[in-house]
Amino acid sequence: MLTIEDRIARIEDRDQIRALIALYAHGLDLPDRATFVSVWAPDAIYKVDDPFGETVGVEAIGAAWDAFQRLFPYMYHHTMNIVIDGPDGDAASATSFAFITGSDRAGTPWTASCTYFDEFARIDGRWLFTRRYDQVNYMVPWLQPHDGLNGETRVYMTPERVSHLLSLA
């Protein structure tokens, strides 16, 4: 049975891991390369389903961030249903889901669903990703391009559309 001190330490560790998962998304979405690169262990493995592939090490992971920013200048990660296993000593793992929206470089908006499979290590007192596998469940374009800035196409719902949809019920 865990002591109260051990339970508190476990809660604090899990809170730090949740914050790490959030910082990953902030690094991509704000965008903030330094934040994104800061969440990885030096020899971490970052894998995203095809066509993106696997990168190893912080330098290569930073290059992957550069490529994602060129491809997708607008991304918004909504990470949820985080289940953390552990920690067991200085190691932990987690599974979570993300709903992601954004626009590609051509202005085509898209929606994606991903499942993250994560492994973490506490290195010098700080939790870091040692492995993140981003399983892309789907990534589909929307019907109209949106550049992320145009207020006229930001929301496709209008009072007329709402009325029309309600009339179909």
C-alpha atoms as a PDB file:
ATOM      1  CA  MET A   1       0.000   0.000   0.000  1.00  0.00           C
ATOM      2  CA  LEU A   2       1.260   3.457  -0.921  1.00  0.00           C
ATOM      3  CA  THR A   3       1.964   5.987   1.786  1.00  0.00           C
ATOM      4  CA  ILE A   4       0.284   9.371   1.647  1.00  0.00           C
ATOM      5  CA  GLU A   5       3.610  10.881   0.530  1.00  0.00           C
ATOM      6  CA  ASP A   6       3.879   8.315  -2.291  1.00  0.00           C
ATOM      7  CA  ARG A   7       0.305   9.037  -3.374  1.00  0.00           C
ATOM      8  CA  ILE A   8       0.969  12.786  -3.442  1.00  0.00           C
ATOM      9  CA  ALA A   9       4.176  12.241  -5.423  1.00  0.00           C
ATOM     10  CA  ARG A  10       2.251  10.063  -7.927  1.00  0.00           C
ATOM     11  CA  ILE A  11      -0.414  12.773  -8.346  1.00  0.00           C
ATOM     12  CA  GLU A  12       2.282  15.411  -8.871  1.00  0.00           C
ATOM     13  CA  ASP A  13       4.078  13.214 -11.426  1.00  0.00           C
ATOM     14  CA  ARG A  14       0.864  12.606 -13.346  1.00  0.00           C
ATOM     15  CA  ASP A  15       0.101  16.320 -13.317  1.00  0.00           C
ATOM     16  CA  GLN A  16       3.557  17.031 -14.777  1.00  0.00           C
ATOM     17  CA  ILE A  17       2.967  14.396 -17.479  1.00  0.00           C
ATOM     18  CA  ARG A  18      -0.402  15.959 -18.385  1.00  0.00           C
ATOM     19  CA  ALA A  19       1.300  19.355 -18.615  1.00  0.00           C
ATOM     20  CA  LEU A  20       3.968  17.827 -20.884  1.00  0.00           C
ATOM     21  CA  ILE A  21       1.251  16.484 -23.205  1.00  0.00           C
ATOM     22  CA  ALA A  22      -0.335  19.954 -23.290  1.00  0.00           C
ATOM     23  CA  LEU A  23       3.013  21.646 -24.004  1.00  0.00           C
ATOM     24  CA  TYR A  24       3.484  19.384 -27.037  1.00  0.00           C
ATOM     25  CA  ALA A  25       0.197  20.743 -28.456  1.00  0.00           C
ATOM     26  CA  HIS A  26       1.028  24.331 -27.490  1.00  0.00           C
ATOM     27  CA  GLY A  27       4.355  24.032 -29.264  1.00  0.00           C
ATOM     28  CA  LEU A  28       2.633  22.974 -32.472  1.00  0.00           C
ATOM     29  CA  ASP A  29      -0.370  25.278 -32.275  1.00  0.00           C
ATOM     30  CA  LEU A  30       0.995  28.618 -31.030  1.00  0.00           C
ATOM     31  CA  PRO A  31       3.469  27.888 -32.860  1.00  0.00           C
ATOM     32  CA  ASP A  32       6.462  27.772 -30.501  1.00  0.00           C
ATOM     33  CA  ARG A  33       9.401  25.655 -31.639  1.00  0.00           C
ATOM     34  CA  ALA A  34      11.331  26.055 -28.379  1.00  0.00           C
ATOM     35  CA  THR A  35       8.381  24.755 -26.355  1.00  0.00           C
ATOM     36  CA  PHE A  36       7.856  21.848 -28.752  1.00  0.00           C
ATOM     37  CA  VAL A  37      11.513  20.805 -28.679  1.00  0.00           C
ATOM     38  CA  SER A  38      11.696  21.158 -24.869  1.00  0.00           C
ATOM     39  CA  VAL A  39       9.342  18.233 -24.190  1.00  0.00           C
ATOM     40  CA  TRP A  40      11.606  15.525 -25.679  1.00  0.00           C
ATOM     41  CA  ALA A  41      14.380  13.404 -24.193  1.00  0.00           C
ATOM     42  CA  PRO A  42      17.639  13.743 -26.160  1.00  0.00           C
ATOM     43  CA  ASP A  43      17.248  10.360 -27.902  1.00  0.00           C
ATOM     44  CA  ALA A  44      13.446  10.382 -28.142  1.00  0.00           C
ATOM     45  CA  ILE A  45      11.538   8.668 -30.933  1.00  0.00           C
ATOM     46  CA  TYR A  46       8.664  10.547 -32.596  1.00  0.00           C
ATOM     47  CA  LYS A  47       6.560   8.589 -35.047  1.00  0.00           C
ATOM     48  CA  VAL A  48       3.593   9.907 -37.022  1.00  0.00           C
ATOM     49  CA  ASP A  49       1.708   7.640 -39.434  1.00  0.00           C
ATOM     50  CA  ASP A  50       2.462   7.845 -43.159  1.00  0.00           C
ATOM     51  CA  PRO A  51       3.306   9.880 -45.012  1.00  0.00           C
ATOM     52  CA  PHE A  52       5.245  11.526 -42.157  1.00  0.00           C
ATOM     53  CA  GLY A  53       7.307   8.706 -40.632  1.00  0.00           C
ATOM     54  CA  GLU A  54       9.650   8.381 -37.687  1.00  0.00           C
ATOM     55  CA  THR A  55      12.336  10.723 -36.379  1.00  0.00           C
ATOM     56  CA  VAL A  56      14.911  10.082 -33.663  1.00  0.00           C
ATOM     57  CA  GLY A  57      16.572  12.684 -31.485  1.00  0.00           C
ATOM     58  CA  VAL A  58      15.719  16.256 -30.594  1.00  0.00           C
ATOM     59  CA  GLU A  59      17.396  17.774 -33.663  1.00  0.00           C
ATOM     60  CA  ALA A  60      15.394  15.571 -36.061  1.00  0.00           C
ATOM     61  CA  ILE A  61      12.219  16.180 -34.055  1.00  0.00           C
ATOM     62  CA  GLY A  62      12.830  19.937 -34.374  1.00  0.00           C
ATOM     63  CA  ALA A  63      13.162  19.455 -38.150  1.00  0.00           C
ATOM     64  CA  ALA A  64       9.826  17.585 -38.115  1.00  0.00           C
ATOM     65  CA  TRP A  65       8.282  20.614 -36.344  1.00  0.00           C
ATOM     66  CA  ASP A  66       9.688  22.848 -39.102  1.00  0.00           C
ATOM     67  CA  ALA A  67       8.079  20.639 -41.776  1.00  0.00           C
ATOM     68  CA  PHE A  68       4.712  20.542 -39.984  1.00  0.00           C
ATOM     69  CA  GLN A  69       4.692  24.343 -39.725  1.00  0.00           C
ATOM     70  CA  ARG A  70       5.416  24.681 -43.458  1.00  0.00           C
ATOM     71  CA  LEU A  71       2.660  22.186 -44.317  1.00  0.00           C
ATOM     72  CA  PHE A  72       0.067  23.264 -41.739  1.00  0.00           C
ATOM     73  CA  PRO A  73       0.389  26.916 -40.682  1.00  0.00           C
ATOM     74  CA  TYR A  74      -2.795  26.622 -38.597  1.00  0.00           C
ATOM     75  CA  MET A  75      -3.252  23.709 -36.190  1.00  0.00           C
ATOM     76  CA  TYR A  76      -5.415  23.366 -33.117  1.00  0.00           C
ATOM     77  CA  HIS A  77      -4.956  20.221 -31.005  1.00  0.00           C
ATOM     78  CA  HIS A  78      -7.705  19.272 -28.560  1.00  0.00           C
ATOM     79  CA  THR A  79      -6.201  16.463 -26.488  1.00  0.00           C
ATOM     80  CA  MET A  80      -8.495  14.458 -24.257  1.00  0.00           C
ATOM     81  CA  ASN A  81      -9.162  11.172 -22.454  1.00  0.00           C
ATOM     82  CA  ILE A  82      -5.600  10.961 -21.145  1.00  0.00           C
ATOM     83  CA  VAL A  83      -4.943   7.743 -19.255  1.00  0.00           C
ATOM     84  CA  ILE A  84      -1.537   7.568 -17.574  1.00  0.00           C
ATOM     85  CA  ASP A  85      -0.022   4.234 -16.577  1.00  0.00           C
ATOM     86  CA  GLY A  86       2.373   4.726 -13.711  1.00  0.00           C
ATOM     87  CA  PRO A  87       4.668   6.214 -13.013  1.00  0.00           C
ATOM     88  CA  ASP A  88       6.713   3.217 -12.031  1.00  0.00           C
ATOM     89  CA  GLY A  89       9.876   4.787 -10.701  1.00  0.00           C
ATOM     90  CA  ASP A  90      11.177   7.115 -13.401  1.00  0.00           C
ATOM     91  CA  ALA A  91       9.080   5.672 -16.253  1.00  0.00           C
ATOM     92  CA  ALA A  92       5.462   6.093 -17.276  1.00  0.00           C
ATOM     93  CA  SER A  93       3.246   5.672 -20.310  1.00  0.00           C
ATOM     94  CA  ALA A  94      -0.018   7.153 -21.506  1.00  0.00           C
ATOM     95  CA  THR A  95      -2.677   6.844 -24.155  1.00  0.00           C
ATOM     96  CA  SER A  96      -4.739   9.822 -25.233  1.00  0.00           C
ATOM     97  CA  PHE A  97      -6.890  11.027 -28.099  1.00  0.00           C
ATOM     98  CA  ALA A  98      -6.775  14.259 -30.035  1.00  0.00           C
ATOM     99  CA  PHE A  99      -9.195  16.021 -32.305  1.00  0.00           C
ATOM    100  CA  ILE A 100      -7.220  18.383 -34.509  1.00  0.00           C
ATOM    101  CA  THR A 101      -8.389  21.096 -36.845  1.00  0.00           C
ATOM    102  CA  GLY A 102      -6.337  23.327 -39.061  1.00  0.00           C
ATOM    103  CA  SER A 103      -5.546  24.577 -42.525  1.00  0.00           C
ATOM    104  CA  ASP A 104      -2.818  23.469 -44.889  1.00  0.00           C
ATOM    105  CA  ARG A 105      -0.498  25.815 -46.766  1.00  0.00           C
ATOM    106  CA  ALA A 106      -2.977  26.017 -49.689  1.00  0.00           C
ATOM    107  CA  GLY A 107      -5.737  27.176 -47.333  1.00  0.00           C
ATOM    108  CA  THR A 108      -7.670  23.909 -47.301  1.00  0.00           C
ATOM    109  CA  PRO A 109      -9.102  23.312 -43.849  1.00  0.00           C
ATOM    110  CA  TRP A 110      -9.061  19.786 -42.438  1.00  0.00           C
ATOM    111  CA  THR A 111     -10.016  17.784 -39.415  1.00  0.00           C
ATOM    112  CA  ALA A 112      -8.048  14.897 -37.968  1.00  0.00           C
ATOM    113  CA  SER A 113      -8.444  12.321 -35.234  1.00  0.00           C
ATOM    114  CA  CYS A 114      -5.348  10.837 -33.639  1.00  0.00           C
ATOM    115  CA  THR A 115      -4.511   8.390 -30.890  1.00  0.00           C
ATOM    116  CA  TYR A 116      -1.263   9.035 -29.033  1.00  0.00           C
ATOM    117  CA  PHE A 117       0.750   6.227 -27.486  1.00  0.00           C
ATOM    118  CA  ASP A 118       3.381   7.763 -25.224  1.00  0.00           C
ATOM    119  CA  GLU A 119       6.347   6.705 -23.139  1.00  0.00           C
ATOM    120  CA  PHE A 120       8.010   9.055 -20.656  1.00  0.00           C
ATOM    121  CA  ALA A 121      11.089   9.162 -18.454  1.00  0.00           C
ATOM    122  CA  ARG A 122      12.011  11.406 -15.579  1.00  0.00           C
ATOM    123  CA  ILE A 123      15.385  12.839 -16.542  1.00  0.00           C
ATOM    124  CA  ASP A 124      17.146  15.205 -14.133  1.00  0.00           C
ATOM    125  CA  GLY A 125      13.884  15.552 -12.206  1.00  0.00           C
ATOM    126  CA  ARG A 126      11.789  16.437 -15.253  1.00  0.00           C
ATOM    127  CA  TRP A 127       9.336  14.271 -17.198  1.00  0.00           C
ATOM    128  CA  LEU A 128      10.050  14.071 -20.948  1.00  0.00           C
ATOM    129  CA  PHE A 129       8.753  12.104 -23.914  1.00  0.00           C
ATOM    130  CA  THR A 130      11.008   9.190 -24.786  1.00  0.00           C
ATOM    131  CA  ARG A 131       8.616   7.926 -27.447  1.00  0.00           C
ATOM    132  CA  ARG A 132       5.435   9.318 -28.988  1.00  0.00           C
ATOM    133  CA  TYR A 133       3.526   7.411 -31.620  1.00  0.00           C
ATOM    134  CA  ASP A 134       0.842   9.516 -33.290  1.00  0.00           C
ATOM    135  CA  GLN A 135      -1.594   7.096 -34.889  1.00  0.00           C
ATOM    136  CA  VAL A 136      -3.582   9.114 -37.409  1.00  0.00           C
ATOM    137  CA  ASN A 137      -7.117   7.692 -37.363  1.00  0.00           C
ATOM    138  CA  TYR A 138      -8.264  10.031 -40.119  1.00  0.00           C
ATOM    139  CA  MET A 139      -7.444  13.376 -41.679  1.00  0.00           C
ATOM    140  CA  VAL A 140     -10.049  14.771 -44.025  1.00  0.00           C
ATOM    141  CA  PRO A 141     -10.474  18.119 -45.804  1.00  0.00           C
ATOM    142  CA  TRP A 142     -13.429  20.370 -45.290  1.00  0.00           C
ATOM    143  CA  LEU A 143     -15.611  21.454 -48.163  1.00  0.00           C
ATOM    144  CA  GLN A 144     -14.326  25.046 -48.490  1.00  0.00           C
ATOM    145  CA  PRO A 145     -10.810  26.416 -48.080  1.00  0.00           C
ATOM    146  CA  HIS A 146     -10.171  28.623 -45.075  1.00  0.00           C
ATOM    147  CA  ASP A 147      -6.894  30.464 -44.536  1.00  0.00           C
ATOM    148  CA  GLY A 148      -7.338  30.831 -40.779  1.00  0.00           C
ATOM    149  CA  LEU A 149      -7.711  34.610 -41.033  1.00  0.00           C
ATOM    150  CA  ASN A 150     -10.806  35.257 -43.147  1.00  0.00           C
ATOM    151  CA  GLY A 151     -13.680  36.013 -40.791  1.00  0.00           C
ATOM    152  CA  GLU A 152     -16.301  35.511 -43.497  1.00  0.00           C
ATOM    153  CA  THR A 153     -15.493  31.807 -43.905  1.00  0.00           C
ATOM    154  CA  ARG A 154     -14.549  31.118 -40.278  1.00  0.00           C
ATOM    155  CA  VAL A 155     -17.925  29.640 -39.323  1.00  0.00           C
ATOM    156  CA  TYR A 156     -20.192  27.989 -41.863  1.00  0.00           C
ATOM    157  CA  MET A 157     -23.261  28.135 -39.611  1.00  0.00           C
ATOM    158  CA  THR A 158     -25.636  30.991 -40.305  1.00  0.00           C
ATOM    159  CA  PRO A 159     -29.081  31.622 -38.862  1.00  0.00           C
ATOM    160  CA  GLU A 160     -30.519  30.464 -42.201  1.00  0.00           C
ATOM    161  CA  ARG A 161     -28.515  27.213 -42.102  1.00  0.00           C
ATOM    162  CA  VAL A 162     -29.589  26.547 -38.514  1.00  0.00           C
ATOM    163  CA  SER A 163     -33.231  27.056 -39.510  1.00  0.00           C
ATOM    164  CA  HIS A 164     -32.802  24.784 -42.519  1.00  0.00           C
ATOM    165  CA  LEU A 165     -31.197  21.997 -40.442  1.00  0.00           C
ATOM    166  CA  LEU A 166     -33.922  22.296 -37.811  1.00  0.00           C
ATOM    167  CA  SER A 167     -36.567  21.990 -40.519  1.00  0.00           C
ATOM    168  CA  LEU A 168     -35.064  18.641 -41.549  1.00  0.00           C
ATOM    169  CA  ALA A 169     -35.594  17.134 -38.107  1.00  0.00           C
END
